[in-house]
């Protein structure tokens, strides 16, 4: 009877968490996206820093204000600080795309690719999952725009805003894999004592449990995990497909097996197993975001 009641409670919690979360594809959450941006910022070349500084001041930047965001209340203020403040603080732009999605629902598919986790995660499988629009197509387009030195600065600023966010998204495993559960949104879990779902746990819950702060976490990743991320050469617009396949592998071989094994009960011991993988994915995202920006700045 206790197990039956627990199962019912978990299902109710999952349903409620889907209702209260800002969309089923809100990856990493504020702490994660800001951490990725700060890691990248620590690895930018002087040319990339100059590029970011020039683009953030592009005429018409006000057009990109999300406006009266329900879940991201600081979005307008942070975009203003990013574009008009004294420093090119990338972390201020990290949450922009999620806030923008609230009033521009046509961009929602740009945040994920629901590749069936029971498949092989091949390029063909991802192309089928992608359909007419997904994160991989969006990243492809935006990287091309950012790399085009002849493109209007207004468009390159928009591309920069998207890239800072979407490179983070593509490294959240549950944005590249799906088990018929909206990327883990339909999988109820209990994280220590808090009820939620698997996607929420990877977005935000694990960060809260670890009391993660973006600046401190980014600094720690730069000193440790980032050193183990393979050197990134020139980033072709198709490169994110490789990153997505890697994230799919993490979901298939780690995220889903863990929740099947623990029955949705994330004890302290389970958190200690998951958190190093979260850190690894954040480090990969930050290093690769820097590679995208450094590469774009180096384009002739």
C-alpha atoms as a PDB file:
ATOM      1  CA  UNK A   1       0.000   0.000   0.000  1.00  0.00           C
ATOM      2  CA  UNK A   2       2.844   2.403   0.807  1.00  0.00           C
ATOM      3  CA  UNK A   3       4.412   1.833  -2.624  1.00  0.00           C
ATOM      4  CA  UNK A   4       1.030   2.344  -4.289  1.00  0.00           C
ATOM      5  CA  UNK A   5       0.493   5.629  -2.448  1.00  0.00           C
ATOM      6  CA  UNK A   6       4.024   6.768  -3.290  1.00  0.00           C
ATOM      7  CA  UNK A   7       3.421   5.993  -6.957  1.00  0.00           C
ATOM      8  CA  UNK A   8       0.198   8.028  -6.943  1.00  0.00           C
ATOM      9  CA  UNK A   9       1.948  10.939  -5.201  1.00  0.00           C
ATOM     10  CA  UNK A  10       4.764  10.919  -7.740  1.00  0.00           C
ATOM     11  CA  UNK A  11       2.330  10.947 -10.672  1.00  0.00           C
ATOM     12  CA  UNK A  12       0.435  13.882  -9.183  1.00  0.00           C
ATOM     13  CA  UNK A  13       3.700  15.734  -8.525  1.00  0.00           C
ATOM     14  CA  UNK A  14       4.836  15.210 -12.099  1.00  0.00           C
ATOM     15  CA  UNK A  15       1.542  16.527 -13.451  1.00  0.00           C
ATOM     16  CA  UNK A  16       1.649  19.613 -11.255  1.00  0.00           C
ATOM     17  CA  UNK A  17       5.282  20.324 -12.040  1.00  0.00           C
ATOM     18  CA  UNK A  18       4.541  20.303 -15.771  1.00  0.00           C
ATOM     19  CA  UNK A  19       1.811  22.868 -15.140  1.00  0.00           C
ATOM     20  CA  UNK A  20       3.969  25.248 -13.119  1.00  0.00           C
ATOM     21  CA  UNK A  21       7.195  25.040 -15.082  1.00  0.00           C
ATOM     22  CA  UNK A  22       7.749  27.666 -17.836  1.00  0.00           C
ATOM     23  CA  UNK A  23       7.378  25.211 -20.711  1.00  0.00           C
ATOM     24  CA  UNK A  24       8.506  21.630 -21.168  1.00  0.00           C
ATOM     25  CA  UNK A  25      11.788  22.608 -22.789  1.00  0.00           C
ATOM     26  CA  UNK A  26      13.294  25.032 -20.323  1.00  0.00           C
ATOM     27  CA  UNK A  27      16.838  23.715 -20.065  1.00  0.00           C
ATOM     28  CA  UNK A  28      19.326  24.100 -17.230  1.00  0.00           C
ATOM     29  CA  UNK A  29      17.481  26.951 -15.617  1.00  0.00           C
ATOM     30  CA  UNK A  30      19.024  30.248 -14.646  1.00  0.00           C
ATOM     31  CA  UNK A  31      22.002  28.873 -12.712  1.00  0.00           C
ATOM     32  CA  UNK A  32      23.042  26.480 -15.448  1.00  0.00           C
ATOM     33  CA  UNK A  33      22.782  28.882 -18.360  1.00  0.00           C
ATOM     34  CA  UNK A  34      24.633  31.618 -16.505  1.00  0.00           C
ATOM     35  CA  UNK A  35      27.344  29.135 -15.536  1.00  0.00           C
ATOM     36  CA  UNK A  36      27.849  28.073 -19.161  1.00  0.00           C
ATOM     37  CA  UNK A  37      28.114  31.705 -20.268  1.00  0.00           C
ATOM     38  CA  UNK A  38      30.632  32.534 -17.517  1.00  0.00           C
ATOM     39  CA  UNK A  39      32.776  29.512 -18.389  1.00  0.00           C
ATOM     40  CA  UNK A  40      32.812  30.607 -22.031  1.00  0.00           C
ATOM     41  CA  UNK A  41      33.609  34.175 -21.064  1.00  0.00           C
ATOM     42  CA  UNK A  42      36.699  32.954 -19.234  1.00  0.00           C
ATOM     43  CA  UNK A  43      37.942  31.316 -22.440  1.00  0.00           C
ATOM     44  CA  UNK A  44      37.264  34.049 -24.999  1.00  0.00           C
ATOM     45  CA  UNK A  45      40.064  35.409 -27.127  1.00  0.00           C
ATOM     46  CA  UNK A  46      40.633  39.177 -27.206  1.00  0.00           C
ATOM     47  CA  UNK A  47      39.095  39.219 -30.695  1.00  0.00           C
ATOM     48  CA  UNK A  48      35.981  37.415 -29.469  1.00  0.00           C
ATOM     49  CA  UNK A  49      35.615  39.785 -26.523  1.00  0.00           C
ATOM     50  CA  UNK A  50      35.832  42.707 -28.935  1.00  0.00           C
ATOM     51  CA  UNK A  51      33.234  41.103 -31.220  1.00  0.00           C
ATOM     52  CA  UNK A  52      30.811  40.603 -28.323  1.00  0.00           C
ATOM     53  CA  UNK A  53      31.384  44.163 -27.132  1.00  0.00           C
ATOM     54  CA  UNK A  54      30.645  45.566 -30.586  1.00  0.00           C
ATOM     55  CA  UNK A  55      27.591  43.427 -31.249  1.00  0.00           C
ATOM     56  CA  UNK A  56      25.937  44.036 -27.887  1.00  0.00           C
ATOM     57  CA  UNK A  57      25.739  47.747 -28.723  1.00  0.00           C
ATOM     58  CA  UNK A  58      24.146  47.198 -32.132  1.00  0.00           C
ATOM     59  CA  UNK A  59      21.440  49.754 -32.963  1.00  0.00           C
ATOM     60  CA  UNK A  60      17.988  48.336 -32.386  1.00  0.00           C
ATOM     61  CA  UNK A  61      18.943  46.070 -29.485  1.00  0.00           C
ATOM     62  CA  UNK A  62      15.802  47.235 -27.646  1.00  0.00           C
ATOM     63  CA  UNK A  63      13.763  45.198 -30.131  1.00  0.00           C
ATOM     64  CA  UNK A  64      14.927  42.051 -28.392  1.00  0.00           C
ATOM     65  CA  UNK A  65      13.452  42.893 -25.004  1.00  0.00           C
ATOM     66  CA  UNK A  66      11.202  39.938 -24.110  1.00  0.00           C
ATOM     67  CA  UNK A  67       8.699  42.231 -22.423  1.00  0.00           C
ATOM     68  CA  UNK A  68       6.704  41.498 -19.276  1.00  0.00           C
ATOM     69  CA  UNK A  69       8.040  37.979 -18.864  1.00  0.00           C
ATOM     70  CA  UNK A  70       6.032  35.838 -16.469  1.00  0.00           C
ATOM     71  CA  UNK A  71       8.815  33.486 -15.431  1.00  0.00           C
ATOM     72  CA  UNK A  72      11.918  35.529 -16.236  1.00  0.00           C
ATOM     73  CA  UNK A  73      11.136  38.830 -14.594  1.00  0.00           C
ATOM     74  CA  UNK A  74      14.668  40.199 -14.833  1.00  0.00           C
ATOM     75  CA  UNK A  75      14.986  39.477 -18.557  1.00  0.00           C
ATOM     76  CA  UNK A  76      14.419  43.045 -19.809  1.00  0.00           C
ATOM     77  CA  UNK A  77      16.681  44.515 -17.149  1.00  0.00           C
ATOM     78  CA  UNK A  78      19.444  41.994 -17.826  1.00  0.00           C
ATOM     79  CA  UNK A  79      19.290  42.479 -21.594  1.00  0.00           C
ATOM     80  CA  UNK A  80      19.596  46.225 -21.044  1.00  0.00           C
ATOM     81  CA  UNK A  81      22.617  45.716 -18.800  1.00  0.00           C
ATOM     82  CA  UNK A  82      24.180  43.335 -21.314  1.00  0.00           C
ATOM     83  CA  UNK A  83      23.708  45.713 -24.230  1.00  0.00           C
ATOM     84  CA  UNK A  84      24.339  49.017 -22.467  1.00  0.00           C
ATOM     85  CA  UNK A  85      26.374  48.179 -19.361  1.00  0.00           C
ATOM     86  CA  UNK A  86      30.101  48.827 -18.962  1.00  0.00           C
ATOM     87  CA  UNK A  87      31.147  45.180 -19.436  1.00  0.00           C
ATOM     88  CA  UNK A  88      30.287  42.442 -21.913  1.00  0.00           C
ATOM     89  CA  UNK A  89      28.853  40.098 -19.263  1.00  0.00           C
ATOM     90  CA  UNK A  90      27.574  37.132 -21.293  1.00  0.00           C
ATOM     91  CA  UNK A  91      25.733  35.658 -18.326  1.00  0.00           C
ATOM     92  CA  UNK A  92      23.231  38.525 -18.530  1.00  0.00           C
ATOM     93  CA  UNK A  93      22.162  37.209 -21.944  1.00  0.00           C
ATOM     94  CA  UNK A  94      22.037  33.557 -20.942  1.00  0.00           C
ATOM     95  CA  UNK A  95      18.326  33.351 -20.060  1.00  0.00           C
ATOM     96  CA  UNK A  96      17.122  35.625 -22.860  1.00  0.00           C
ATOM     97  CA  UNK A  97      15.939  32.896 -25.237  1.00  0.00           C
ATOM     98  CA  UNK A  98      13.672  31.254 -22.657  1.00  0.00           C
ATOM     99  CA  UNK A  99      12.086  34.595 -21.811  1.00  0.00           C
ATOM    100  CA  UNK A 100      11.688  35.423 -25.520  1.00  0.00           C
ATOM    101  CA  UNK A 101       9.891  32.114 -26.085  1.00  0.00           C
ATOM    102  CA  UNK A 102       7.021  33.146 -23.797  1.00  0.00           C
ATOM    103  CA  UNK A 103       5.681  35.651 -26.333  1.00  0.00           C
ATOM    104  CA  UNK A 104       7.167  33.997 -29.411  1.00  0.00           C
ATOM    105  CA  UNK A 105       5.923  30.438 -29.162  1.00  0.00           C
ATOM    106  CA  UNK A 106       7.068  29.678 -32.688  1.00  0.00           C
ATOM    107  CA  UNK A 107      10.599  29.521 -31.263  1.00  0.00           C
ATOM    108  CA  UNK A 108       9.747  26.804 -28.706  1.00  0.00           C
ATOM    109  CA  UNK A 109      10.973  23.932 -30.964  1.00  0.00           C
ATOM    110  CA  UNK A 110      14.346  25.667 -31.235  1.00  0.00           C
ATOM    111  CA  UNK A 111      15.283  24.482 -27.743  1.00  0.00           C
ATOM    112  CA  UNK A 112      15.300  20.698 -28.154  1.00  0.00           C
ATOM    113  CA  UNK A 113      15.326  17.634 -30.395  1.00  0.00           C
ATOM    114  CA  UNK A 114      13.226  14.768 -29.020  1.00  0.00           C
ATOM    115  CA  UNK A 115      15.328  11.848 -30.243  1.00  0.00           C
ATOM    116  CA  UNK A 116      13.769   8.525 -29.100  1.00  0.00           C
ATOM    117  CA  UNK A 117      15.965   7.149 -26.343  1.00  0.00           C
ATOM    118  CA  UNK A 118      15.202   3.570 -27.388  1.00  0.00           C
ATOM    119  CA  UNK A 119      16.924   4.230 -30.726  1.00  0.00           C
ATOM    120  CA  UNK A 120      20.575   4.606 -31.703  1.00  0.00           C
ATOM    121  CA  UNK A 121      20.790   8.410 -31.655  1.00  0.00           C
ATOM    122  CA  UNK A 122      22.212   8.407 -35.159  1.00  0.00           C
ATOM    123  CA  UNK A 123      22.187  11.433 -37.430  1.00  0.00           C
ATOM    124  CA  UNK A 124      19.281   9.869 -39.315  1.00  0.00           C
ATOM    125  CA  UNK A 125      17.344   9.411 -36.059  1.00  0.00           C
ATOM    126  CA  UNK A 126      17.992  13.013 -35.063  1.00  0.00           C
ATOM    127  CA  UNK A 127      16.995  14.298 -38.491  1.00  0.00           C
ATOM    128  CA  UNK A 128      13.692  12.446 -38.175  1.00  0.00           C
ATOM    129  CA  UNK A 129      13.161  13.767 -34.643  1.00  0.00           C
ATOM    130  CA  UNK A 130      14.065  17.264 -35.767  1.00  0.00           C
ATOM    131  CA  UNK A 131      11.442  17.410 -38.489  1.00  0.00           C
ATOM    132  CA  UNK A 132      11.012  20.878 -39.920  1.00  0.00           C
ATOM    133  CA  UNK A 133      12.456  22.686 -36.903  1.00  0.00           C
ATOM    134  CA  UNK A 134      14.575  21.905 -33.833  1.00  0.00           C
ATOM    135  CA  UNK A 135      17.552  23.127 -31.818  1.00  0.00           C
ATOM    136  CA  UNK A 136      20.033  21.778 -34.363  1.00  0.00           C
ATOM    137  CA  UNK A 137      18.562  23.676 -37.281  1.00  0.00           C
ATOM    138  CA  UNK A 138      18.285  26.823 -35.174  1.00  0.00           C
ATOM    139  CA  UNK A 139      21.915  26.613 -34.073  1.00  0.00           C
ATOM    140  CA  UNK A 140      23.027  25.939 -37.639  1.00  0.00           C
ATOM    141  CA  UNK A 141      21.322  29.123 -38.874  1.00  0.00           C
ATOM    142  CA  UNK A 142      22.514  31.325 -36.020  1.00  0.00           C
ATOM    143  CA  UNK A 143      26.141  30.197 -36.248  1.00  0.00           C
ATOM    144  CA  UNK A 144      26.150  31.011 -39.965  1.00  0.00           C
ATOM    145  CA  UNK A 145      24.817  34.507 -39.237  1.00  0.00           C
ATOM    146  CA  UNK A 146      27.333  35.160 -36.446  1.00  0.00           C
ATOM    147  CA  UNK A 147      30.199  34.011 -38.662  1.00  0.00           C
ATOM    148  CA  UNK A 148      29.154  36.370 -41.461  1.00  0.00           C
ATOM    149  CA  UNK A 149      31.147  39.548 -40.868  1.00  0.00           C
ATOM    150  CA  UNK A 150      29.152  41.232 -43.634  1.00  0.00           C
ATOM    151  CA  UNK A 151      25.792  40.618 -42.002  1.00  0.00           C
ATOM    152  CA  UNK A 152      23.934  43.423 -40.261  1.00  0.00           C
ATOM    153  CA  UNK A 153      25.100  43.823 -36.651  1.00  0.00           C
ATOM    154  CA  UNK A 154      21.473  43.745 -35.526  1.00  0.00           C
ATOM    155  CA  UNK A 155      21.104  40.222 -36.949  1.00  0.00           C
ATOM    156  CA  UNK A 156      24.460  39.137 -35.575  1.00  0.00           C
ATOM    157  CA  UNK A 157      23.421  40.345 -32.101  1.00  0.00           C
ATOM    158  CA  UNK A 158      20.271  38.239 -32.350  1.00  0.00           C
ATOM    159  CA  UNK A 159      22.404  35.273 -33.405  1.00  0.00           C
ATOM    160  CA  UNK A 160      24.706  35.853 -30.432  1.00  0.00           C
ATOM    161  CA  UNK A 161      21.768  35.876 -28.017  1.00  0.00           C
ATOM    162  CA  UNK A 162      20.472  32.595 -29.411  1.00  0.00           C
ATOM    163  CA  UNK A 163      23.848  30.885 -29.515  1.00  0.00           C
ATOM    164  CA  UNK A 164      24.729  31.729 -25.904  1.00  0.00           C
ATOM    165  CA  UNK A 165      21.548  29.975 -24.817  1.00  0.00           C
ATOM    166  CA  UNK A 166      21.208  27.129 -27.304  1.00  0.00           C
ATOM    167  CA  UNK A 167      24.748  25.804 -26.928  1.00  0.00           C
ATOM    168  CA  UNK A 168      23.816  25.346 -23.288  1.00  0.00           C
ATOM    169  CA  UNK A 169      20.518  23.674 -24.203  1.00  0.00           C
ATOM    170  CA  UNK A 170      22.116  21.140 -26.535  1.00  0.00           C
ATOM    171  CA  UNK A 171      24.305  19.928 -23.655  1.00  0.00           C
ATOM    172  CA  UNK A 172      21.340  19.272 -21.359  1.00  0.00           C
ATOM    173  CA  UNK A 173      20.830  15.550 -22.036  1.00  0.00           C
ATOM    174  CA  UNK A 174      17.054  15.701 -21.754  1.00  0.00           C
ATOM    175  CA  UNK A 175      16.941  18.249 -24.570  1.00  0.00           C
ATOM    176  CA  UNK A 176      18.340  15.691 -26.977  1.00  0.00           C
ATOM    177  CA  UNK A 177      16.487  12.551 -25.882  1.00  0.00           C
ATOM    178  CA  UNK A 178      12.920  11.548 -25.183  1.00  0.00           C
ATOM    179  CA  UNK A 179      11.189   8.439 -23.878  1.00  0.00           C
ATOM    180  CA  UNK A 180       7.663   9.475 -24.732  1.00  0.00           C
ATOM    181  CA  UNK A 181       7.781  11.715 -21.666  1.00  0.00           C
ATOM    182  CA  UNK A 182       8.553  15.190 -23.073  1.00  0.00           C
ATOM    183  CA  UNK A 183      12.234  14.919 -22.279  1.00  0.00           C
ATOM    184  CA  UNK A 184      11.702  13.663 -18.736  1.00  0.00           C
ATOM    185  CA  UNK A 185       8.904  16.091 -17.875  1.00  0.00           C
ATOM    186  CA  UNK A 186       6.567  13.140 -17.477  1.00  0.00           C
ATOM    187  CA  UNK A 187       8.876  11.208 -15.163  1.00  0.00           C
ATOM    188  CA  UNK A 188       7.976  11.874 -11.501  1.00  0.00           C
ATOM    189  CA  UNK A 189      10.809  11.991  -8.996  1.00  0.00           C
ATOM    190  CA  UNK A 190      11.493  13.016  -5.427  1.00  0.00           C
ATOM    191  CA  UNK A 191      14.731  14.959  -5.038  1.00  0.00           C
ATOM    192  CA  UNK A 192      15.643  14.552  -1.358  1.00  0.00           C
ATOM    193  CA  UNK A 193      12.274  15.773  -0.036  1.00  0.00           C
ATOM    194  CA  UNK A 194      11.022  17.881  -2.961  1.00  0.00           C
ATOM    195  CA  UNK A 195       8.637  16.423  -5.538  1.00  0.00           C
ATOM    196  CA  UNK A 196       9.081  17.222  -9.204  1.00  0.00           C
ATOM    197  CA  UNK A 197      10.025  15.576 -12.462  1.00  0.00           C
ATOM    198  CA  UNK A 198      13.235  14.356 -14.045  1.00  0.00           C
ATOM    199  CA  UNK A 199      13.599  17.292 -16.419  1.00  0.00           C
ATOM    200  CA  UNK A 200      13.163  19.784 -13.577  1.00  0.00           C
ATOM    201  CA  UNK A 201      15.782  17.924 -11.538  1.00  0.00           C
ATOM    202  CA  UNK A 202      18.387  18.349 -14.261  1.00  0.00           C
ATOM    203  CA  UNK A 203      17.331  21.912 -15.069  1.00  0.00           C
ATOM    204  CA  UNK A 204      17.206  23.347 -11.590  1.00  0.00           C
ATOM    205  CA  UNK A 205      16.679  20.861  -8.782  1.00  0.00           C
ATOM    206  CA  UNK A 206      20.213  19.482  -8.605  1.00  0.00           C
ATOM    207  CA  UNK A 207      21.608  23.024  -8.698  1.00  0.00           C
ATOM    208  CA  UNK A 208      19.450  23.986  -5.744  1.00  0.00           C
ATOM    209  CA  UNK A 209      20.477  20.927  -3.747  1.00  0.00           C
ATOM    210  CA  UNK A 210      24.143  21.722  -4.392  1.00  0.00           C
ATOM    211  CA  UNK A 211      23.598  25.425  -3.597  1.00  0.00           C
ATOM    212  CA  UNK A 212      25.330  26.164  -6.908  1.00  0.00           C
ATOM    213  CA  UNK A 213      26.157  29.789  -7.653  1.00  0.00           C
ATOM    214  CA  UNK A 214      27.075  30.563 -11.283  1.00  0.00           C
ATOM    215  CA  UNK A 215      30.260  32.558 -10.683  1.00  0.00           C
ATOM    216  CA  UNK A 216      31.715  30.132  -8.157  1.00  0.00           C
ATOM    217  CA  UNK A 217      30.647  27.073 -10.140  1.00  0.00           C
ATOM    218  CA  UNK A 218      32.068  28.473 -13.384  1.00  0.00           C
ATOM    219  CA  UNK A 219      35.378  29.211 -11.705  1.00  0.00           C
ATOM    220  CA  UNK A 220      35.530  25.696 -10.299  1.00  0.00           C
ATOM    221  CA  UNK A 221      34.713  24.151 -13.673  1.00  0.00           C
ATOM    222  CA  UNK A 222      37.406  26.216 -15.378  1.00  0.00           C
ATOM    223  CA  UNK A 223      39.918  24.956 -12.830  1.00  0.00           C
ATOM    224  CA  UNK A 224      38.882  21.316 -13.114  1.00  0.00           C
ATOM    225  CA  UNK A 225      36.403  19.751 -15.577  1.00  0.00           C
ATOM    226  CA  UNK A 226      37.095  22.178 -18.429  1.00  0.00           C
ATOM    227  CA  UNK A 227      40.666  20.935 -18.590  1.00  0.00           C
ATOM    228  CA  UNK A 228      39.351  17.490 -19.525  1.00  0.00           C
ATOM    229  CA  UNK A 229      37.170  18.722 -22.390  1.00  0.00           C
ATOM    230  CA  UNK A 230      38.799  17.843 -25.695  1.00  0.00           C
ATOM    231  CA  UNK A 231      40.206  20.759 -27.627  1.00  0.00           C
ATOM    232  CA  UNK A 232      37.651  22.195 -30.031  1.00  0.00           C
ATOM    233  CA  UNK A 233      38.793  23.035 -33.529  1.00  0.00           C
ATOM    234  CA  UNK A 234      36.909  25.193 -36.021  1.00  0.00           C
ATOM    235  CA  UNK A 235      33.179  24.941 -35.302  1.00  0.00           C
ATOM    236  CA  UNK A 236      31.193  24.122 -38.411  1.00  0.00           C
ATOM    237  CA  UNK A 237      27.459  24.878 -38.226  1.00  0.00           C
ATOM    238  CA  UNK A 238      26.893  21.094 -38.317  1.00  0.00           C
ATOM    239  CA  UNK A 239      29.143  20.493 -35.289  1.00  0.00           C
ATOM    240  CA  UNK A 240      26.246  20.831 -32.799  1.00  0.00           C
ATOM    241  CA  UNK A 241      24.846  17.593 -34.215  1.00  0.00           C
ATOM    242  CA  UNK A 242      27.866  15.815 -32.747  1.00  0.00           C
ATOM    243  CA  UNK A 243      27.293  17.521 -29.401  1.00  0.00           C
ATOM    244  CA  UNK A 244      23.636  16.507 -29.474  1.00  0.00           C
ATOM    245  CA  UNK A 245      24.549  12.885 -30.121  1.00  0.00           C
ATOM    246  CA  UNK A 246      26.903  13.009 -27.159  1.00  0.00           C
ATOM    247  CA  UNK A 247      24.123  14.443 -24.953  1.00  0.00           C
ATOM    248  CA  UNK A 248      21.755  11.772 -26.248  1.00  0.00           C
ATOM    249  CA  UNK A 249      24.289   9.183 -25.115  1.00  0.00           C
ATOM    250  CA  UNK A 250      24.373  10.696 -21.627  1.00  0.00           C
ATOM    251  CA  UNK A 251      20.580  10.518 -21.429  1.00  0.00           C
ATOM    252  CA  UNK A 252      20.403   6.977 -22.776  1.00  0.00           C
ATOM    253  CA  UNK A 253      23.289   5.544 -20.768  1.00  0.00           C
ATOM    254  CA  UNK A 254      23.137   7.558 -17.551  1.00  0.00           C
ATOM    255  CA  UNK A 255      20.065   9.756 -16.928  1.00  0.00           C
ATOM    256  CA  UNK A 256      17.304   7.279 -17.736  1.00  0.00           C
ATOM    257  CA  UNK A 257      19.081   4.224 -16.290  1.00  0.00           C
ATOM    258  CA  UNK A 258      19.611   6.077 -13.011  1.00  0.00           C
ATOM    259  CA  UNK A 259      15.953   6.987 -12.593  1.00  0.00           C
ATOM    260  CA  UNK A 260      14.858   3.460 -13.551  1.00  0.00           C
ATOM    261  CA  UNK A 261      17.214   2.022 -10.971  1.00  0.00           C
ATOM    262  CA  UNK A 262      16.322   4.395  -8.139  1.00  0.00           C
ATOM    263  CA  UNK A 263      12.604   4.397  -8.869  1.00  0.00           C
ATOM    264  CA  UNK A 264      12.513   8.195  -8.908  1.00  0.00           C
ATOM    265  CA  UNK A 265      13.967   8.495  -5.408  1.00  0.00           C
ATOM    266  CA  UNK A 266      16.969  10.837  -5.514  1.00  0.00           C
ATOM    267  CA  UNK A 267      18.666  10.436  -2.157  1.00  0.00           C
ATOM    268  CA  UNK A 268      21.876  12.248  -1.250  1.00  0.00           C
ATOM    269  CA  UNK A 269      23.790   9.284  -2.662  1.00  0.00           C
ATOM    270  CA  UNK A 270      21.890   9.540  -5.971  1.00  0.00           C
ATOM    271  CA  UNK A 271      22.593  13.272  -6.148  1.00  0.00           C
ATOM    272  CA  UNK A 272      26.273  12.538  -5.620  1.00  0.00           C
ATOM    273  CA  UNK A 273      26.150  10.262  -8.667  1.00  0.00           C
ATOM    274  CA  UNK A 274      24.290  12.737 -10.883  1.00  0.00           C
ATOM    275  CA  UNK A 275      26.017  16.010 -10.013  1.00  0.00           C
ATOM    276  CA  UNK A 276      29.430  15.128 -11.544  1.00  0.00           C
ATOM    277  CA  UNK A 277      27.669  14.416 -14.856  1.00  0.00           C
ATOM    278  CA  UNK A 278      25.863  17.758 -14.650  1.00  0.00           C
ATOM    279  CA  UNK A 279      29.215  19.447 -14.084  1.00  0.00           C
ATOM    280  CA  UNK A 280      30.759  17.633 -17.029  1.00  0.00           C
ATOM    281  CA  UNK A 281      27.969  18.738 -19.360  1.00  0.00           C
ATOM    282  CA  UNK A 282      28.228  22.346 -18.162  1.00  0.00           C
ATOM    283  CA  UNK A 283      31.990  22.306 -18.749  1.00  0.00           C
ATOM    284  CA  UNK A 284      31.552  20.898 -22.236  1.00  0.00           C
ATOM    285  CA  UNK A 285      28.939  23.540 -23.041  1.00  0.00           C
ATOM    286  CA  UNK A 286      31.079  26.417 -21.794  1.00  0.00           C
ATOM    287  CA  UNK A 287      34.215  25.307 -23.627  1.00  0.00           C
ATOM    288  CA  UNK A 288      32.287  24.777 -26.841  1.00  0.00           C
ATOM    289  CA  UNK A 289      30.387  28.047 -26.596  1.00  0.00           C
ATOM    290  CA  UNK A 290      33.737  29.789 -26.334  1.00  0.00           C
ATOM    291  CA  UNK A 291      34.905  27.872 -29.413  1.00  0.00           C
ATOM    292  CA  UNK A 292      31.880  29.059 -31.403  1.00  0.00           C
ATOM    293  CA  UNK A 293      32.450  32.690 -30.429  1.00  0.00           C
ATOM    294  CA  UNK A 294      36.216  32.559 -30.867  1.00  0.00           C
ATOM    295  CA  UNK A 295      35.787  30.947 -34.269  1.00  0.00           C
ATOM    296  CA  UNK A 296      33.249  33.512 -35.421  1.00  0.00           C
ATOM    297  CA  UNK A 297      35.540  36.347 -34.330  1.00  0.00           C
ATOM    298  CA  UNK A 298      38.413  34.823 -36.292  1.00  0.00           C
ATOM    299  CA  UNK A 299      36.440  34.572 -39.548  1.00  0.00           C
ATOM    300  CA  UNK A 300      37.766  36.756 -42.330  1.00  0.00           C
END
